[in-house]
């Protein structure tokens, strides 16, 4: 993706396939006989839940993913993401299976006449993963620990991933990569001149002063980059006490993958696990403990964690506000984070870095002595 493309959110380029068009894509490109199809919520791509007639012992439910027009200009990047999904599944992670086209490819480029121009969209078909988004359930400390551990294991496993087009994941101006927080300044007008804007401006300045100068000391890796509370699925089973015990059953949406740093992944995960929590400030310690059971952070990385979590709040909140101006009909989905996000960010700023770190680090340390296990 070019620098210009990566710098701007892609909401304006969201596909608008009808159910009939999506139905035809599944049958013509992937060779399945569709029995039912319905749209799924999405940010700037388009997704459909597809049911097919059983012809073999294979799955009967799939997700058709139609990448937006801007993202579709980088088919190599989408191909890499598809191969990573397959790699992780082979390594035992609960990811979807990638279906090949009738031509034995993992993606297909579809051209559509929009009336004024011909637009091209990359389409993929993945198996549908059952389970509930973690956003819909009360998250226990043990589940937060499991999510943190999953995030670290995912990054660690991807150290072994090799592909000739891997450099596509160096997305230098990708707006969702945490190192590009200063690029948010271009979108601040979406917030208007209110208190929220002042908080974001403060976080951006702190990022420039205190985080950007430390990036060279962080350990690099491939990040999933979007382990949010709607991209992690869970299923329940009965615990020894008879109540429901949840475990992670699926990981979705690898579209924001890029080269980043270990500390980016845990910061992003902490921020999204805070969204629906009734005790959001306590969340970070449990996620951090799980992450550090696989990849202990360095002192420099730990010292940046607070500002990185605040920075991810700012990315999500600012870009959602901007995207809502372009997609007002998708307001409910786009503003999921904003429902509690501004409140949580304000609370973190009010408490300050030292107080929040003390809570997080003390909680994480308690796992070492077995107090939280």
Protein backbone atom coordinates (compact mmCIF):
# COMPACT_ATOMS: atom_id res chain seq x y z
CA UNK A 1 0.00 0.00 0.00
CA UNK A 2 1.36 3.42 -0.84
CA UNK A 3 2.12 5.94 1.85
CA UNK A 4 -0.89 8.03 0.90
CA UNK A 5 -3.21 5.04 1.02
CA UNK A 6 -1.91 3.85 4.37
CA UNK A 7 -2.22 7.24 6.03
CA UNK A 8 -5.96 7.62 5.68
CA UNK A 9 -8.80 5.49 7.02
CA UNK A 10 -10.50 3.61 4.22
CA UNK A 11 -14.13 4.11 5.23
CA UNK A 12 -14.93 6.03 2.06
CA UNK A 13 -13.93 3.03 -0.05
CA UNK A 14 -16.11 0.46 1.72
CA UNK A 15 -17.63 -2.03 -0.74
CA UNK A 16 -21.39 -2.08 -1.29
CA UNK A 17 -22.08 -5.58 -2.63
CA UNK A 18 -25.71 -6.66 -2.53
CA UNK A 19 -26.59 -10.04 -1.08
CA UNK A 20 -27.28 -11.27 -4.62
CA UNK A 21 -23.82 -10.15 -5.77
CA UNK A 22 -22.14 -11.77 -2.77
CA UNK A 23 -24.14 -14.97 -3.42
CA UNK A 24 -22.88 -15.02 -7.02
CA UNK A 25 -19.25 -14.49 -5.93
CA UNK A 26 -19.32 -17.51 -3.62
CA UNK A 27 -20.78 -19.75 -6.29
CA UNK A 28 -18.74 -18.54 -9.26
CA UNK A 29 -15.36 -18.03 -7.56
CA UNK A 30 -15.35 -20.70 -4.86
CA UNK A 31 -17.70 -23.28 -6.37
CA UNK A 32 -20.13 -23.70 -3.46
CA UNK A 33 -23.90 -23.92 -3.73
CA UNK A 34 -25.22 -21.16 -1.46
CA UNK A 35 -28.35 -21.83 0.61
CA UNK A 36 -28.38 -18.63 2.72
CA UNK A 37 -26.41 -15.40 2.98
CA UNK A 38 -26.64 -12.38 5.31
CA UNK A 39 -24.44 -9.33 6.00
CA UNK A 40 -22.18 -9.10 9.05
CA UNK A 41 -21.11 -5.85 10.77
CA UNK A 42 -17.75 -4.47 9.67
CA UNK A 43 -15.53 -1.39 9.87
CA UNK A 44 -14.30 -0.56 6.38
CA UNK A 45 -14.58 -3.88 4.53
CA UNK A 46 -17.73 -5.91 3.83
CA UNK A 47 -18.46 -9.32 5.33
CA UNK A 48 -21.20 -11.88 4.73
CA UNK A 49 -22.17 -14.97 6.71
CA UNK A 50 -22.64 -17.69 4.09
CA UNK A 51 -24.36 -21.06 4.46
CA UNK A 52 -23.77 -23.62 1.73
CA UNK A 53 -25.37 -26.92 0.82
CA UNK A 54 -23.42 -29.85 2.18
CA UNK A 55 -21.76 -31.81 -0.63
CA UNK A 56 -18.86 -33.35 1.34
CA UNK A 57 -17.88 -33.75 4.98
CA UNK A 58 -16.55 -30.18 4.99
CA UNK A 59 -17.94 -27.09 6.75
CA UNK A 60 -21.26 -25.58 5.72
CA UNK A 61 -20.76 -22.07 7.15
CA UNK A 62 -18.31 -19.47 5.84
CA UNK A 63 -17.49 -15.78 5.92
CA UNK A 64 -17.07 -13.95 2.62
CA UNK A 65 -14.65 -11.05 3.11
CA UNK A 66 -14.64 -8.26 0.52
CA UNK A 67 -11.74 -5.87 1.05
CA UNK A 68 -12.33 -2.17 0.44
CA UNK A 69 -11.11 -0.60 -2.79
CA UNK A 70 -8.02 1.00 -1.25
CA UNK A 71 -6.88 -2.14 0.56
CA UNK A 72 -7.58 -4.16 -2.58
CA UNK A 73 -4.78 -2.27 -4.30
CA UNK A 74 -2.35 -4.33 -2.21
CA UNK A 75 -3.19 -7.94 -3.08
CA UNK A 76 0.24 -9.12 -1.92
CA UNK A 77 -0.50 -7.84 1.59
CA UNK A 78 -3.87 -9.61 1.66
CA UNK A 79 -2.23 -12.80 0.39
CA UNK A 80 0.36 -12.62 3.20
CA UNK A 81 -2.39 -12.22 5.78
CA UNK A 82 -4.19 -15.27 4.39
CA UNK A 83 -1.02 -17.38 4.58
CA UNK A 84 -0.44 -16.22 8.16
CA UNK A 85 -3.95 -17.35 9.11
CA UNK A 86 -3.18 -20.79 7.64
CA UNK A 87 0.22 -20.88 9.38
CA UNK A 88 -1.29 -20.07 12.75
CA UNK A 89 -4.05 -22.65 12.35
CA UNK A 90 -1.43 -25.29 11.56
CA UNK A 91 0.39 -24.21 14.74
CA UNK A 92 -2.74 -24.87 16.81
CA UNK A 93 -4.32 -21.42 17.06
CA UNK A 94 -8.12 -21.14 16.78
CA UNK A 95 -8.18 -19.29 13.47
CA UNK A 96 -10.44 -19.86 10.49
CA UNK A 97 -9.54 -22.04 7.53
CA UNK A 98 -8.86 -20.22 4.27
CA UNK A 99 -10.81 -21.61 1.32
CA UNK A 100 -9.15 -21.74 -2.05
CA UNK A 101 -10.82 -20.55 -5.22
CA UNK A 102 -11.67 -22.86 -8.09
CA UNK A 103 -8.34 -21.72 -9.55
CA UNK A 104 -6.54 -22.85 -6.34
CA UNK A 105 -5.74 -19.32 -5.09
CA UNK A 106 -6.35 -17.90 -1.60
CA UNK A 107 -7.80 -14.65 -2.98
CA UNK A 108 -9.57 -13.43 -6.09
CA UNK A 109 -9.81 -9.94 -7.58
CA UNK A 110 -13.35 -8.99 -8.63
CA UNK A 111 -14.10 -6.03 -10.90
CA UNK A 112 -17.44 -4.30 -10.41
CA UNK A 113 -19.03 -1.57 -12.52
CA UNK A 114 -20.18 1.10 -10.05
CA UNK A 115 -21.79 3.18 -12.81
CA UNK A 116 -19.15 5.89 -12.99
CA UNK A 117 -16.09 3.63 -12.89
CA UNK A 118 -14.86 0.07 -12.64
CA UNK A 119 -13.70 -0.80 -9.12
CA UNK A 120 -11.72 -3.86 -8.09
CA UNK A 121 -12.12 -5.72 -4.80
CA UNK A 122 -10.16 -8.63 -3.35
CA UNK A 123 -12.46 -11.37 -2.05
CA UNK A 124 -11.68 -14.24 0.31
CA UNK A 125 -13.71 -17.04 1.84
CA UNK A 126 -12.97 -18.25 5.38
CA UNK A 127 -14.66 -20.86 7.50
CA UNK A 128 -17.12 -19.43 10.02
CA UNK A 129 -15.93 -19.70 13.61
CA UNK A 130 -18.60 -20.37 16.26
CA UNK A 131 -18.53 -18.62 19.60
CA UNK A 132 -19.46 -15.31 21.22
CA UNK A 133 -17.41 -12.12 21.08
CA UNK A 134 -15.66 -11.60 24.39
CA UNK A 135 -17.41 -8.20 24.51
CA UNK A 136 -20.68 -9.98 25.29
CA UNK A 137 -19.61 -11.78 28.47
CA UNK A 138 -18.28 -10.77 31.89
CA UNK A 139 -14.51 -11.22 31.60
CA UNK A 140 -12.86 -12.95 34.55
CA UNK A 141 -9.25 -12.29 35.58
CA UNK A 142 -8.37 -15.80 34.40
CA UNK A 143 -9.81 -15.13 30.95
CA UNK A 144 -7.90 -11.83 30.74
CA UNK A 145 -4.75 -13.76 31.60
CA UNK A 146 -5.55 -16.29 28.85
CA UNK A 147 -6.06 -13.49 26.31
CA UNK A 148 -2.74 -11.89 27.26
CA UNK A 149 -0.98 -15.21 26.94
CA UNK A 150 -2.63 -15.82 23.57
CA UNK A 151 -1.43 -12.45 22.28
CA UNK A 152 2.16 -13.22 23.26
CA UNK A 153 2.09 -16.76 21.88
CA UNK A 154 0.73 -15.44 18.59
CA UNK A 155 3.58 -12.91 18.21
CA UNK A 156 6.14 -15.49 19.32
CA UNK A 157 4.88 -18.09 16.85
CA UNK A 158 5.04 -15.61 13.97
CA UNK A 159 8.79 -15.32 14.47
CA UNK A 160 8.92 -18.64 12.61
CA UNK A 161 6.76 -17.47 9.69
CA UNK A 162 8.60 -16.99 6.40
CA UNK A 163 7.29 -15.83 3.05
CA UNK A 164 8.95 -14.14 0.06
CA UNK A 165 6.54 -11.19 0.31
CA UNK A 166 6.91 -10.68 4.06
CA UNK A 167 8.24 -7.14 3.64
CA UNK A 168 4.66 -6.12 2.75
CA UNK A 169 4.03 -6.04 6.49
CA UNK A 170 6.36 -3.06 6.88
CA UNK A 171 3.48 -0.60 6.56
CA UNK A 172 5.39 2.56 7.41
CA UNK A 173 2.46 5.00 7.31
CA UNK A 174 -0.33 2.62 8.33
CA UNK A 175 -2.67 4.75 10.43
CA UNK A 176 -3.49 1.88 12.86
CA UNK A 177 0.14 1.05 13.67
CA UNK A 178 0.86 2.46 17.13
CA UNK A 179 4.10 4.10 16.05
CA UNK A 180 2.04 6.37 13.79
CA UNK A 181 0.00 8.01 16.56
CA UNK A 182 1.18 11.50 15.45
CA UNK A 183 -0.68 10.99 12.15
CA UNK A 184 -3.92 11.39 14.13
CA UNK A 185 -3.38 15.14 14.05
CA UNK A 186 -4.83 15.15 10.52
CA UNK A 187 -8.17 13.88 11.81
CA UNK A 188 -8.67 15.90 15.00
CA UNK A 189 -11.26 18.17 13.37
CA UNK A 190 -13.65 15.23 13.58
CA UNK A 191 -13.74 15.77 17.36
CA UNK A 192 -14.53 19.47 17.35
CA UNK A 193 -13.11 21.91 19.93
CA UNK A 194 -14.13 20.01 23.06
CA UNK A 195 -12.40 18.48 26.07
CA UNK A 196 -11.88 15.18 24.28
CA UNK A 197 -9.75 16.87 21.65
CA UNK A 198 -7.57 18.42 24.35
CA UNK A 199 -6.93 14.97 25.88
CA UNK A 200 -5.95 13.52 22.50
CA UNK A 201 -3.62 16.44 21.75
CA UNK A 202 -1.94 15.90 25.11
CA UNK A 203 -1.47 12.16 24.50
CA UNK A 204 -0.04 12.78 21.02
CA UNK A 205 2.49 15.24 22.41
CA UNK A 206 3.49 12.84 25.18
CA UNK A 207 3.88 10.11 22.58
CA UNK A 208 6.22 12.32 20.56
CA UNK A 209 8.25 13.29 23.62
CA UNK A 210 8.37 10.04 25.58
CA UNK A 211 7.61 7.09 23.30
CA UNK A 212 8.88 7.87 19.82
CA UNK A 213 12.41 8.35 21.15
CA UNK A 214 12.32 4.85 22.69
CA UNK A 215 11.09 2.89 19.66
CA UNK A 216 14.60 1.74 18.77
CA UNK A 217 14.82 0.03 22.18
CA UNK A 218 11.63 -2.01 21.67
CA UNK A 219 11.85 -5.57 20.33
CA UNK A 220 10.33 -5.88 16.86
CA UNK A 221 7.83 -8.52 15.79
CA UNK A 222 4.77 -9.05 13.61
CA UNK A 223 1.64 -7.80 15.40
CA UNK A 224 -1.93 -8.98 14.92
CA UNK A 225 -2.66 -5.36 15.76
CA UNK A 226 -6.38 -5.62 16.49
CA UNK A 227 -7.08 -8.10 19.27
CA UNK A 228 -10.22 -6.25 20.24
CA UNK A 229 -13.20 -7.54 22.18
CA UNK A 230 -15.11 -8.36 18.98
CA UNK A 231 -12.20 -10.19 17.32
CA UNK A 232 -11.76 -12.70 20.13
CA UNK A 233 -14.44 -15.39 20.38
CA UNK A 234 -15.16 -17.50 23.45
CA UNK A 235 -17.14 -20.61 24.29
CA UNK A 236 -18.31 -21.76 27.69
CA UNK A 237 -18.01 -24.98 29.60
CA UNK A 238 -19.05 -25.95 33.11
CA UNK A 239 -16.46 -25.24 35.78
CA UNK A 240 -15.85 -27.46 38.79
CA UNK A 241 -18.26 -25.23 40.72
CA UNK A 242 -21.06 -25.63 38.17
CA UNK A 243 -20.95 -22.12 36.70
CA UNK A 244 -19.89 -21.11 33.18
CA UNK A 245 -16.14 -20.97 32.54
CA UNK A 246 -15.15 -19.32 29.27
CA UNK A 247 -12.15 -20.07 27.07
CA UNK A 248 -10.94 -18.52 23.83
CA UNK A 249 -12.35 -20.37 20.83
CA UNK A 250 -11.51 -18.07 17.92
CA UNK A 251 -9.31 -15.22 16.72
CA UNK A 252 -10.64 -13.06 13.88
CA UNK A 253 -9.60 -10.24 11.54
CA UNK A 254 -5.94 -10.16 10.58
CA UNK A 255 -6.33 -7.14 8.29
CA UNK A 256 -4.38 -4.78 10.57
CA UNK A 257 -1.29 -6.96 10.75
CA UNK A 258 2.01 -5.14 10.41
CA UNK A 259 5.50 -5.09 11.81
CA UNK A 260 5.47 -3.50 15.24
CA UNK A 261 6.76 -4.45 18.67
CA UNK A 262 5.84 -6.88 21.44
CA UNK A 263 4.81 -4.01 23.70
CA UNK A 264 2.43 -2.72 21.00
CA UNK A 265 0.51 -6.01 21.02
CA UNK A 266 0.01 -6.11 24.77
CA UNK A 267 -0.93 -2.40 24.88
CA UNK A 268 -3.56 -2.85 22.17
CA UNK A 269 -4.95 -5.94 23.90
CA UNK A 270 -5.16 -4.20 27.29
CA UNK A 271 -6.99 -1.22 25.80
CA UNK A 272 -9.67 -3.31 24.10
CA UNK A 273 -10.17 -5.61 27.08
CA UNK A 274 -10.89 -2.49 29.17
CA UNK A 275 -13.84 -1.38 27.01
CA UNK A 276 -16.65 -3.44 28.55
CA UNK A 277 -15.01 -4.13 31.91
CA UNK A 278 -16.68 -2.99 35.12
CA UNK A 279 -13.19 -2.52 36.63
CA UNK A 280 -11.25 -1.26 33.59
CA UNK A 281 -8.15 0.00 35.39
CA UNK A 282 -7.55 -3.46 36.89
CA UNK A 283 -7.65 -5.17 33.49
CA UNK A 284 -4.10 -4.33 32.47
CA UNK A 285 -2.39 -6.30 35.21
CA UNK A 286 -4.13 -9.58 34.32
CA UNK A 287 -3.48 -9.21 30.58
CA UNK A 288 0.13 -8.21 31.26
CA UNK A 289 0.67 -11.23 33.51
CA UNK A 290 -0.55 -13.56 30.77
CA UNK A 291 1.58 -11.85 28.14
CA UNK A 292 4.70 -11.88 30.31
CA UNK A 293 4.28 -15.58 31.08
CA UNK A 294 5.44 -16.01 27.47
CA UNK A 295 7.34 -12.78 26.68
CA UNK A 296 8.52 -10.74 29.68
CA UNK A 297 8.74 -7.04 28.81
CA UNK A 298 11.94 -5.08 29.31
CA UNK A 299 11.99 -2.13 31.71
CA UNK A 300 11.91 0.29 28.76
CA UNK A 301 8.90 -1.47 27.25
CA UNK A 302 7.09 -1.53 30.58
CA UNK A 303 7.79 2.17 31.03
CA UNK A 304 6.01 2.96 27.76
CA UNK A 305 2.98 0.73 28.34
CA UNK A 306 0.72 3.35 29.97
CA UNK A 307 1.17 5.88 27.17
CA UNK A 308 0.78 3.20 24.51
CA UNK A 309 -2.59 2.13 25.97
CA UNK A 310 -3.70 5.79 26.05
CA UNK A 311 -2.46 6.19 22.48
CA UNK A 312 -4.52 3.22 21.28
CA UNK A 313 -7.60 4.71 22.90
CA UNK A 314 -6.90 7.89 20.93
CA UNK A 315 -6.44 6.02 17.65
CA UNK A 316 -9.69 4.13 18.06
CA UNK A 317 -11.75 7.12 19.22
CA UNK A 318 -10.45 9.66 16.71
CA UNK A 319 -10.64 7.37 13.69
CA UNK A 320 -14.13 6.19 14.67
CA UNK A 321 -15.32 9.81 14.83
CA UNK A 322 -13.74 10.52 11.46
CA UNK A 323 -15.21 7.38 9.87
CA UNK A 324 -18.68 8.25 11.19
CA UNK A 325 -18.57 11.44 9.12
CA UNK A 326 -18.02 9.29 6.04
CA UNK A 327 -20.30 6.39 7.00
CA UNK A 328 -23.14 7.80 9.11
CA UNK A 329 -25.24 4.73 8.33
CA UNK A 330 -22.60 2.58 10.12
CA UNK A 331 -22.50 4.79 13.22
CA UNK A 332 -23.61 2.11 15.70
CA UNK A 333 -20.79 -0.27 14.78
CA UNK A 334 -18.11 2.39 14.37
CA UNK A 335 -18.81 3.96 17.77
CA UNK A 336 -18.64 0.74 19.83
CA UNK A 337 -15.39 1.83 21.49
CA UNK A 338 -16.59 5.40 22.06
CA UNK A 339 -19.44 4.20 24.30
CA UNK A 340 -17.01 3.69 27.19
CA UNK A 341 -13.69 4.64 25.61
CA UNK A 342 -13.65 8.35 26.40
CA UNK A 343 -14.61 7.65 30.00
CA UNK A 344 -11.82 5.09 30.43
CA UNK A 345 -9.21 7.34 28.78
CA UNK A 346 -10.20 10.25 31.01
CA UNK A 347 -9.97 8.01 34.08
CA UNK A 348 -6.47 6.88 33.13
CA UNK A 349 -5.36 10.48 32.64
CA UNK A 350 -6.91 11.53 35.95
CA UNK A 351 -5.14 8.76 37.87
CA UNK A 352 -1.85 9.32 36.09
CA UNK A 353 0.85 6.98 34.88
CA UNK A 354 2.41 6.17 38.25
CA UNK A 355 -0.85 5.13 39.92
CA UNK A 356 -2.04 3.03 36.97
CA UNK A 357 1.35 1.33 36.59
CA UNK A 358 1.35 0.45 40.28
CA UNK A 359 -2.00 -1.32 39.88
CA UNK A 360 -0.93 -3.14 36.72
CA UNK A 361 2.52 -4.17 37.89
CA UNK A 362 1.40 -5.26 41.36
CA UNK A 363 -1.36 -7.39 39.83
CA UNK A 364 1.06 -8.96 37.35
CA UNK A 365 3.55 -9.66 40.14
CA UNK A 366 0.87 -11.44 42.19
CA UNK A 367 0.72 -14.13 39.50
CA UNK A 368 4.37 -14.92 40.11
CA UNK A 369 3.59 -15.86 43.71
CA UNK A 370 0.44 -17.75 42.70
CA UNK A 371 -1.94 -15.34 44.43
CA UNK A 372 -4.06 -14.82 41.27
CA UNK A 373 -3.90 -18.30 39.82
